[in-house]
Amino acid sequence: MNLIHKNFRKFCLRLHLWLGLLSDIVVFIVCITGCLYAFKDEFNDATQPWKFVSPEPSPY
């Protein structure tokens, strides 16, 4: 009974480790894409300088 208990415990610990690592990858991807979406206007302004035109002086 003791050997079965140790093997089951080892299996549960490994399962917990790998499920935790996989869920951390999902959370990391969600966080990064959320950050990119939150700052999308700033990224667009930095990567598309042609959208900004400086005003020319009026001849009058």
PDB file of N, CA and C in Angstrom:
ATOM      1  N   MET A   1       0.829  -1.189   0.000  1.00  0.00           N
ATOM      2  CA  MET A   1       0.000   0.000   0.000  1.00  0.00           C
ATOM      3  C   MET A   1       0.874   1.254   0.000  1.00  0.00           C
ATOM      4  N   ASN A   2       1.989   1.206   0.689  1.00  0.00           N
ATOM      5  CA  ASN A   2       2.860   2.357   0.782  1.00  0.00           C
ATOM      6  C   ASN A   2       3.501   2.691  -0.572  1.00  0.00           C
ATOM      7  N   LEU A   3       3.888   1.690  -1.343  1.00  0.00           N
ATOM      8  CA  LEU A   3       4.488   1.902  -2.658  1.00  0.00           C
ATOM      9  C   LEU A   3       3.477   2.508  -3.622  1.00  0.00           C
ATOM     10  N   ILE A   4       2.246   2.042  -3.581  1.00  0.00           N
ATOM     11  CA  ILE A   4       1.193   2.589  -4.447  1.00  0.00           C
ATOM     12  C   ILE A   4       0.941   4.049  -4.086  1.00  0.00           C
ATOM     13  N   HIS A   5       0.931   4.339  -2.806  1.00  0.00           N
ATOM     14  CA  HIS A   5       0.708   5.709  -2.348  1.00  0.00           C
ATOM     15  C   HIS A   5       1.830   6.641  -2.833  1.00  0.00           C
ATOM     16  N   LYS A   6       3.079   6.194  -2.773  1.00  0.00           N
ATOM     17  CA  LYS A   6       4.204   7.011  -3.221  1.00  0.00           C
ATOM     18  C   LYS A   6       4.153   7.254  -4.726  1.00  0.00           C
ATOM     19  N   ASN A   7       3.825   6.208  -5.475  1.00  0.00           N
ATOM     20  CA  ASN A   7       3.748   6.361  -6.929  1.00  0.00           C
ATOM     21  C   ASN A   7       2.610   7.294  -7.323  1.00  0.00           C
ATOM     22  N   PHE A   8       1.471   7.174  -6.640  1.00  0.00           N
ATOM     23  CA  PHE A   8       0.338   8.052  -6.946  1.00  0.00           C
ATOM     24  C   PHE A   8       0.673   9.496  -6.585  1.00  0.00           C
ATOM     25  N   ARG A   9       1.344   9.675  -5.475  1.00  0.00           N
ATOM     26  CA  ARG A   9       1.747  11.019  -5.052  1.00  0.00           C
ATOM     27  C   ARG A   9       2.719  11.634  -6.064  1.00  0.00           C
ATOM     28  N   LYS A  10       3.686  10.848  -6.528  1.00  0.00           N
ATOM     29  CA  LYS A  10       4.641  11.334  -7.522  1.00  0.00           C
ATOM     30  C   LYS A  10       3.923  11.695  -8.828  1.00  0.00           C
ATOM     31  N   PHE A  11       2.961  10.858  -9.225  1.00  0.00           N
ATOM     32  CA  PHE A  11       2.185  11.135 -10.429  1.00  0.00           C
ATOM     33  C   PHE A  11       1.394  12.433 -10.278  1.00  0.00           C
ATOM     34  N   CYS A  12       0.758  12.634  -9.129  1.00  0.00           N
ATOM     35  CA  CYS A  12      -0.027  13.848  -8.897  1.00  0.00           C
ATOM     36  C   CYS A  12       0.858  15.091  -8.895  1.00  0.00           C
ATOM     37  N   LEU A  13       2.047  14.985  -8.321  1.00  0.00           N
ATOM     38  CA  LEU A  13       2.955  16.132  -8.308  1.00  0.00           C
ATOM     39  C   LEU A  13       3.433  16.485  -9.714  1.00  0.00           C
ATOM     40  N   ARG A  14       3.751  15.485 -10.499  1.00  0.00           N
ATOM     41  CA  ARG A  14       4.167  15.753 -11.894  1.00  0.00           C
ATOM     42  C   ARG A  14       3.013  16.332 -12.709  1.00  0.00           C
ATOM     43  N   LEU A  15       1.820  15.784 -12.520  1.00  0.00           N
ATOM     44  CA  LEU A  15       0.648  16.291 -13.233  1.00  0.00           C
ATOM     45  C   LEU A  15       0.391  17.746 -12.846  1.00  0.00           C
ATOM     46  N   HIS A  16       0.491  18.055 -11.585  1.00  0.00           N
ATOM     47  CA  HIS A  16       0.299  19.414 -11.100  1.00  0.00           C
ATOM     48  C   HIS A  16       1.348  20.353 -11.689  1.00  0.00           C
ATOM     49  N   LEU A  17       2.581  19.907 -11.774  1.00  0.00           N
ATOM     50  CA  LEU A  17       3.653  20.709 -12.356  1.00  0.00           C
ATOM     51  C   LEU A  17       3.361  21.041 -13.812  1.00  0.00           C
ATOM     52  N   TRP A  18       3.055  20.029 -14.619  1.00  0.00           N
ATOM     53  CA  TRP A  18       2.864  20.259 -16.049  1.00  0.00           C
ATOM     54  C   TRP A  18       1.586  21.017 -16.352  1.00  0.00           C
ATOM     55  N   LEU A  19       0.531  20.767 -15.612  1.00  0.00           N
ATOM     56  CA  LEU A  19      -0.695  21.546 -15.829  1.00  0.00           C
ATOM     57  C   LEU A  19      -0.481  23.001 -15.435  1.00  0.00           C
ATOM     58  N   GLY A  20       0.282  23.227 -14.382  1.00  0.00           N
ATOM     59  CA  GLY A  20       0.600  24.599 -13.984  1.00  0.00           C
ATOM     60  C   GLY A  20       1.435  25.312 -15.021  1.00  0.00           C
ATOM     61  N   LEU A  21       2.424  24.637 -15.575  1.00  0.00           N
ATOM     62  CA  LEU A  21       3.258  25.259 -16.609  1.00  0.00           C
ATOM     63  C   LEU A  21       2.454  25.576 -17.861  1.00  0.00           C
ATOM     64  N   LEU A  22       1.576  24.674 -18.255  1.00  0.00           N
ATOM     65  CA  LEU A  22       0.745  24.921 -19.439  1.00  0.00           C
ATOM     66  C   LEU A  22      -0.221  26.076 -19.208  1.00  0.00           C
ATOM     67  N   SER A  23      -0.813  26.137 -18.039  1.00  0.00           N
ATOM     68  CA  SER A  23      -1.744  27.237 -17.771  1.00  0.00           C
ATOM     69  C   SER A  23      -0.994  28.558 -17.656  1.00  0.00           C
ATOM     70  N   ASP A  24       0.242  28.548 -17.170  1.00  0.00           N
ATOM     71  CA  ASP A  24       1.038  29.772 -17.118  1.00  0.00           C
ATOM     72  C   ASP A  24       1.333  30.299 -18.518  1.00  0.00           C
ATOM     73  N   ILE A  25       1.563  29.418 -19.462  1.00  0.00           N
ATOM     74  CA  ILE A  25       1.797  29.852 -20.841  1.00  0.00           C
ATOM     75  C   ILE A  25       0.558  30.546 -21.392  1.00  0.00           C
ATOM     76  N   VAL A  26      -0.609  30.002 -21.116  1.00  0.00           N
ATOM     77  CA  VAL A  26      -1.861  30.611 -21.577  1.00  0.00           C
ATOM     78  C   VAL A  26      -2.043  31.985 -20.935  1.00  0.00           C
ATOM     79  N   VAL A  27      -1.815  32.090 -19.636  1.00  0.00           N
ATOM     80  CA  VAL A  27      -1.957  33.372 -18.942  1.00  0.00           C
ATOM     81  C   VAL A  27      -0.955  34.381 -19.481  1.00  0.00           C
ATOM     82  N   PHE A  28       0.267  33.966 -19.757  1.00  0.00           N
ATOM     83  CA  PHE A  28       1.283  34.861 -20.297  1.00  0.00           C
ATOM     84  C   PHE A  28       0.863  35.412 -21.654  1.00  0.00           C
ATOM     85  N   ILE A  29       0.339  34.557 -22.522  1.00  0.00           N
ATOM     86  CA  ILE A  29      -0.098  35.002 -23.850  1.00  0.00           C
ATOM     87  C   ILE A  29      -1.260  35.976 -23.740  1.00  0.00           C
ATOM     88  N   VAL A  30      -2.207  35.690 -22.857  1.00  0.00           N
ATOM     89  CA  VAL A  30      -3.349  36.590 -22.662  1.00  0.00           C
ATOM     90  C   VAL A  30      -2.870  37.941 -22.141  1.00  0.00           C
ATOM     91  N   CYS A  31      -1.922  37.952 -21.216  1.00  0.00           N
ATOM     92  CA  CYS A  31      -1.407  39.210 -20.674  1.00  0.00           C
ATOM     93  C   CYS A  31      -0.680  40.030 -21.735  1.00  0.00           C
ATOM     94  N   ILE A  32       0.147  39.393 -22.530  1.00  0.00           N
ATOM     95  CA  ILE A  32       0.901  40.114 -23.559  1.00  0.00           C
ATOM     96  C   ILE A  32      -0.039  40.697 -24.614  1.00  0.00           C
ATOM     97  N   THR A  33      -0.997  39.904 -25.087  1.00  0.00           N
ATOM     98  CA  THR A  33      -1.918  40.417 -26.104  1.00  0.00           C
ATOM     99  C   THR A  33      -2.821  41.502 -25.532  1.00  0.00           C
ATOM    100  N   GLY A  34      -3.193  41.397 -24.270  1.00  0.00           N
ATOM    101  CA  GLY A  34      -3.991  42.455 -23.639  1.00  0.00           C
ATOM    102  C   GLY A  34      -3.209  43.746 -23.531  1.00  0.00           C
ATOM    103  N   CYS A  35      -1.931  43.647 -23.197  1.00  0.00           N
ATOM    104  CA  CYS A  35      -1.081  44.831 -23.123  1.00  0.00           C
ATOM    105  C   CYS A  35      -0.930  45.473 -24.500  1.00  0.00           C
ATOM    106  N   LEU A  36      -0.717  44.659 -25.507  1.00  0.00           N
ATOM    107  CA  LEU A  36      -0.607  45.198 -26.868  1.00  0.00           C
ATOM    108  C   LEU A  36      -1.899  45.880 -27.300  1.00  0.00           C
ATOM    109  N   TYR A  37      -3.033  45.307 -26.934  1.00  0.00           N
ATOM    110  CA  TYR A  37      -4.323  45.904 -27.302  1.00  0.00           C
ATOM    111  C   TYR A  37      -4.562  47.201 -26.525  1.00  0.00           C
ATOM    112  N   ALA A  38      -4.164  47.244 -25.269  1.00  0.00           N
ATOM    113  CA  ALA A  38      -4.377  48.441 -24.457  1.00  0.00           C
ATOM    114  C   ALA A  38      -3.560  49.619 -24.972  1.00  0.00           C
ATOM    115  N   PHE A  39      -2.370  49.355 -25.484  1.00  0.00           N
ATOM    116  CA  PHE A  39      -1.494  50.415 -25.966  1.00  0.00           C
ATOM    117  C   PHE A  39      -1.424  50.455 -27.486  1.00  0.00           C
ATOM    118  N   LYS A  40      -2.467  50.002 -28.165  1.00  0.00           N
ATOM    119  CA  LYS A  40      -2.423  49.933 -29.625  1.00  0.00           C
ATOM    120  C   LYS A  40      -2.307  51.316 -30.265  1.00  0.00           C
ATOM    121  N   ASP A  41      -2.943  52.344 -29.682  1.00  0.00           N
ATOM    122  CA  ASP A  41      -2.845  53.685 -30.254  1.00  0.00           C
ATOM    123  C   ASP A  41      -1.412  54.208 -30.180  1.00  0.00           C
ATOM    124  N   GLU A  42      -0.753  53.964 -29.055  1.00  0.00           N
ATOM    125  CA  GLU A  42       0.635  54.406 -28.915  1.00  0.00           C
ATOM    126  C   GLU A  42       1.556  53.658 -29.880  1.00  0.00           C
ATOM    127  N   PHE A  43       1.309  52.368 -30.064  1.00  0.00           N
ATOM    128  CA  PHE A  43       2.118  51.599 -31.017  1.00  0.00           C
ATOM    129  C   PHE A  43       1.876  52.085 -32.450  1.00  0.00           C
ATOM    130  N   ASN A  44       0.623  52.379 -32.784  1.00  0.00           N
ATOM    131  CA  ASN A  44       0.323  52.888 -34.123  1.00  0.00           C
ATOM    132  C   ASN A  44       0.990  54.238 -34.349  1.00  0.00           C
ATOM    133  N   ASP A  45       0.954  55.115 -33.359  1.00  0.00           N
ATOM    134  CA  ASP A  45       1.602  56.422 -33.507  1.00  0.00           C
ATOM    135  C   ASP A  45       3.110  56.284 -33.692  1.00  0.00           C
ATOM    136  N   ALA A  46       3.712  55.342 -32.997  1.00  0.00           N
ATOM    137  CA  ALA A  46       5.164  55.166 -33.086  1.00  0.00           C
ATOM    138  C   ALA A  46       5.588  54.492 -34.389  1.00  0.00           C
ATOM    139  N   THR A  47       4.728  53.650 -34.952  1.00  0.00           N
ATOM    140  CA  THR A  47       5.130  52.892 -36.143  1.00  0.00           C
ATOM    141  C   THR A  47       4.582  53.465 -37.444  1.00  0.00           C
ATOM    142  N   GLN A  48       3.737  54.507 -37.372  1.00  0.00           N
ATOM    143  CA  GLN A  48       3.169  55.099 -38.583  1.00  0.00           C
ATOM    144  C   GLN A  48       3.361  56.617 -38.560  1.00  0.00           C
ATOM    145  N   PRO A  49       4.595  57.067 -38.746  1.00  0.00           N
ATOM    146  CA  PRO A  49       4.842  58.517 -38.663  1.00  0.00           C
ATOM    147  C   PRO A  49       4.234  59.295 -39.831  1.00  0.00           C
ATOM    148  N   TRP A  50       3.895  58.650 -40.911  1.00  0.00           N
ATOM    149  CA  TRP A  50       3.327  59.341 -42.061  1.00  0.00           C
ATOM    150  C   TRP A  50       1.933  59.889 -41.766  1.00  0.00           C
ATOM    151  N   LYS A  51       1.312  59.471 -40.671  1.00  0.00           N
ATOM    152  CA  LYS A  51      -0.031  59.958 -40.328  1.00  0.00           C
ATOM    153  C   LYS A  51      -0.008  61.384 -39.790  1.00  0.00           C
ATOM    154  N   PHE A  52       1.165  61.850 -39.363  1.00  0.00           N
ATOM    155  CA  PHE A  52       1.265  63.176 -38.763  1.00  0.00           C
ATOM    156  C   PHE A  52       1.881  64.145 -39.763  1.00  0.00           C
ATOM    157  N   VAL A  53       1.179  65.236 -40.022  1.00  0.00           N
ATOM    158  CA  VAL A  53       1.636  66.243 -40.975  1.00  0.00           C
ATOM    159  C   VAL A  53       1.822  67.548 -40.211  1.00  0.00           C
ATOM    160  N   SER A  54       2.961  68.183 -40.403  1.00  0.00           N
ATOM    161  CA  SER A  54       3.172  69.474 -39.744  1.00  0.00           C
ATOM    162  C   SER A  54       2.487  70.572 -40.562  1.00  0.00           C
ATOM    163  N   PRO A  55       1.862  71.518 -39.900  1.00  0.00           N
ATOM    164  CA  PRO A  55       1.141  72.579 -40.637  1.00  0.00           C
ATOM    165  C   PRO A  55       2.123  73.531 -41.333  1.00  0.00           C
ATOM    166  N   GLU A  56       1.760  73.944 -42.525  1.00  0.00           N
ATOM    167  CA  GLU A  56       2.573  74.900 -43.273  1.00  0.00           C
ATOM    168  C   GLU A  56       2.124  76.319 -42.947  1.00  0.00           C
ATOM    169  N   PRO A  57       3.033  77.244 -42.949  1.00  0.00           N
ATOM    170  CA  PRO A  57       2.625  78.621 -42.652  1.00  0.00           C
ATOM    171  C   PRO A  57       1.727  79.197 -43.764  1.00  0.00           C
ATOM    172  N   SER A  58       0.783  79.979 -43.368  1.00  0.00           N
ATOM    173  CA  SER A  58      -0.157  80.574 -44.313  1.00  0.00           C
ATOM    174  C   SER A  58       0.522  81.741 -45.045  1.00  0.00           C
ATOM    175  N   PRO A  59       0.306  81.852 -46.365  1.00  0.00           N
ATOM    176  CA  PRO A  59       0.944  82.972 -47.093  1.00  0.00           C
ATOM    177  C   PRO A  59       0.281  84.304 -46.797  1.00  0.00           C
ATOM    178  N   TYR A  60      -0.847  84.368 -46.134  1.00  0.00           N
ATOM    179  CA  TYR A  60      -1.559  85.635 -45.869  1.00  0.00           C
ATOM    180  C   TYR A  60      -1.228  86.179 -44.538  1.00  0.00           C
TER     181      TYR A  60
END
